[in-house]
C-alpha atoms as a PDB file:
ATOM      1  CA  UNK A   1     -19.657  -0.535  18.376  1.00  0.00           C
ATOM      2  CA  UNK A   2     -19.632   1.852  15.439  1.00  0.00           C
ATOM      3  CA  UNK A   3     -15.905   2.602  15.609  1.00  0.00           C
ATOM      4  CA  UNK A   4     -15.107  -1.031  14.743  1.00  0.00           C
ATOM      5  CA  UNK A   5     -17.204  -0.988  11.575  1.00  0.00           C
ATOM      6  CA  UNK A   6     -15.671   2.360  10.597  1.00  0.00           C
ATOM      7  CA  UNK A   7     -12.069   1.280  11.267  1.00  0.00           C
ATOM      8  CA  UNK A   8     -12.640  -1.846   9.160  1.00  0.00           C
ATOM      9  CA  UNK A   9     -12.791   0.478   6.118  1.00  0.00           C
ATOM     10  CA  UNK A  10      -9.295   1.916   6.754  1.00  0.00           C
ATOM     11  CA  UNK A  11      -6.146   0.626   5.119  1.00  0.00           C
ATOM     12  CA  UNK A  12      -2.732   0.204   6.717  1.00  0.00           C
ATOM     13  CA  UNK A  13      -0.243   3.051   6.335  1.00  0.00           C
ATOM     14  CA  UNK A  14       3.303   2.490   7.608  1.00  0.00           C
ATOM     15  CA  UNK A  15       6.241   4.850   7.942  1.00  0.00           C
ATOM     16  CA  UNK A  16       9.528   3.235   7.018  1.00  0.00           C
ATOM     17  CA  UNK A  17      13.045   3.559   8.330  1.00  0.00           C
ATOM     18  CA  UNK A  18      14.242   2.272  11.678  1.00  0.00           C
ATOM     19  CA  UNK A  19      12.401  -0.698  13.213  1.00  0.00           C
ATOM     20  CA  UNK A  20      10.427  -1.453  10.032  1.00  0.00           C
ATOM     21  CA  UNK A  21      11.645  -5.027   9.428  1.00  0.00           C
ATOM     22  CA  UNK A  22       8.314  -6.696  10.234  1.00  0.00           C
ATOM     23  CA  UNK A  23       6.253  -4.705   7.717  1.00  0.00           C
ATOM     24  CA  UNK A  24       9.044  -4.766   5.121  1.00  0.00           C
ATOM     25  CA  UNK A  25       9.130  -8.573   5.313  1.00  0.00           C
ATOM     26  CA  UNK A  26       5.341  -8.712   4.854  1.00  0.00           C
ATOM     27  CA  UNK A  27       5.581  -6.431   1.808  1.00  0.00           C
ATOM     28  CA  UNK A  28       8.427  -8.487   0.316  1.00  0.00           C
ATOM     29  CA  UNK A  29       6.409 -11.680   0.790  1.00  0.00           C
ATOM     30  CA  UNK A  30       3.215 -10.163  -0.678  1.00  0.00           C
ATOM     31  CA  UNK A  31       4.111  -7.131  -2.814  1.00  0.00           C
ATOM     32  CA  UNK A  32       0.760  -7.375  -4.597  1.00  0.00           C
ATOM     33  CA  UNK A  33      -0.911  -6.173  -1.363  1.00  0.00           C
ATOM     34  CA  UNK A  34       1.084  -2.925  -0.968  1.00  0.00           C
ATOM     35  CA  UNK A  35       2.087   0.361  -2.607  1.00  0.00           C
ATOM     36  CA  UNK A  36       5.445   2.042  -1.878  1.00  0.00           C
ATOM     37  CA  UNK A  37       5.007   5.825  -1.992  1.00  0.00           C
ATOM     38  CA  UNK A  38       7.710   8.514  -1.824  1.00  0.00           C
ATOM     39  CA  UNK A  39       7.129  11.151   0.861  1.00  0.00           C
ATOM     40  CA  UNK A  40       7.204  14.252  -1.282  1.00  0.00           C
ATOM     41  CA  UNK A  41       4.834  16.736  -2.836  1.00  0.00           C
ATOM     42  CA  UNK A  42       3.076  16.058  -6.100  1.00  0.00           C
ATOM     43  CA  UNK A  43       2.289  12.359  -5.909  1.00  0.00           C
ATOM     44  CA  UNK A  44       3.237   9.909  -8.602  1.00  0.00           C
ATOM     45  CA  UNK A  45       6.342   7.712  -8.647  1.00  0.00           C
ATOM     46  CA  UNK A  46       4.578   4.996  -6.658  1.00  0.00           C
ATOM     47  CA  UNK A  47       5.996   1.484  -6.852  1.00  0.00           C
ATOM     48  CA  UNK A  48       3.874  -1.648  -7.179  1.00  0.00           C
ATOM     49  CA  UNK A  49       4.398  -5.416  -7.275  1.00  0.00           C
ATOM     50  CA  UNK A  50       7.865  -6.438  -8.571  1.00  0.00           C
ATOM     51  CA  UNK A  51       9.118  -2.826  -8.639  1.00  0.00           C
ATOM     52  CA  UNK A  52       8.167  -2.482  -4.968  1.00  0.00           C
ATOM     53  CA  UNK A  53       9.902  -5.751  -4.111  1.00  0.00           C
ATOM     54  CA  UNK A  54      13.069  -4.832  -6.025  1.00  0.00           C
ATOM     55  CA  UNK A  55      13.256  -1.376  -4.433  1.00  0.00           C
ATOM     56  CA  UNK A  56      12.682  -2.597  -0.862  1.00  0.00           C
ATOM     57  CA  UNK A  57      15.271  -5.354  -1.342  1.00  0.00           C
ATOM     58  CA  UNK A  58      17.945  -2.821  -2.318  1.00  0.00           C
ATOM     59  CA  UNK A  59      17.184   0.081   0.047  1.00  0.00           C
ATOM     60  CA  UNK A  60      18.878   0.703   3.368  1.00  0.00           C
ATOM     61  CA  UNK A  61      16.735   1.631   6.379  1.00  0.00           C
ATOM     62  CA  UNK A  62      17.825   5.239   5.870  1.00  0.00           C
ATOM     63  CA  UNK A  63      16.693   5.204   2.216  1.00  0.00           C
ATOM     64  CA  UNK A  64      13.381   3.580   3.182  1.00  0.00           C
ATOM     65  CA  UNK A  65      12.795   6.529   5.527  1.00  0.00           C
ATOM     66  CA  UNK A  66      11.913   8.613   2.466  1.00  0.00           C
ATOM     67  CA  UNK A  67       8.928   6.376   1.703  1.00  0.00           C
ATOM     68  CA  UNK A  68       5.706   5.168   3.229  1.00  0.00           C
ATOM     69  CA  UNK A  69       4.170   1.766   2.669  1.00  0.00           C
ATOM     70  CA  UNK A  70       0.430   1.528   2.194  1.00  0.00           C
ATOM     71  CA  UNK A  71      -1.833  -1.475   1.911  1.00  0.00           C
ATOM     72  CA  UNK A  72      -3.678  -1.457  -1.394  1.00  0.00           C
ATOM     73  CA  UNK A  73      -7.318  -0.519  -1.240  1.00  0.00           C
ATOM     74  CA  UNK A  74      -9.170  -3.515  -2.590  1.00  0.00           C
ATOM     75  CA  UNK A  75     -12.869  -2.930  -3.017  1.00  0.00           C
ATOM     76  CA  UNK A  76     -15.293  -5.834  -3.011  1.00  0.00           C
ATOM     77  CA  UNK A  77     -16.530  -7.144  -6.348  1.00  0.00           C
ATOM     78  CA  UNK A  78     -20.072  -6.011  -7.086  1.00  0.00           C
ATOM     79  CA  UNK A  79     -22.064  -7.235 -10.067  1.00  0.00           C
ATOM     80  CA  UNK A  80     -24.218  -4.737 -11.875  1.00  0.00           C
ATOM     81  CA  UNK A  81     -26.530  -4.482 -14.833  1.00  0.00           C
ATOM     82  CA  UNK A  82     -26.478  -1.674 -17.376  1.00  0.00           C
ATOM     83  CA  UNK A  83     -29.889  -0.697 -18.720  1.00  0.00           C
ATOM     84  CA  UNK A  84     -30.457   1.728 -21.545  1.00  0.00           C
ATOM     85  CA  UNK A  85     -33.422   2.952 -23.496  1.00  0.00           C
ATOM     86  CA  UNK A  86     -33.799   1.373 -26.912  1.00  0.00           C
END
């Protein structure tokens, strides 16, 4: 089915706060696989790797409610060749 091949291109996006222990534990164990993003206008201020781990370790569930957790988008490696005239 086509919906399976399409959904395989999506990344996980998780709201945080109450009942988030399972995904928080996954992110703490593998912070390199996630981005912690504040839920506010303007973007920026994202936390990665050790900063993500430190922040999640210190935040209460209420504080985590101001963030979302997203799996990093990791594109497959593709070799290429650059050709130019001359």
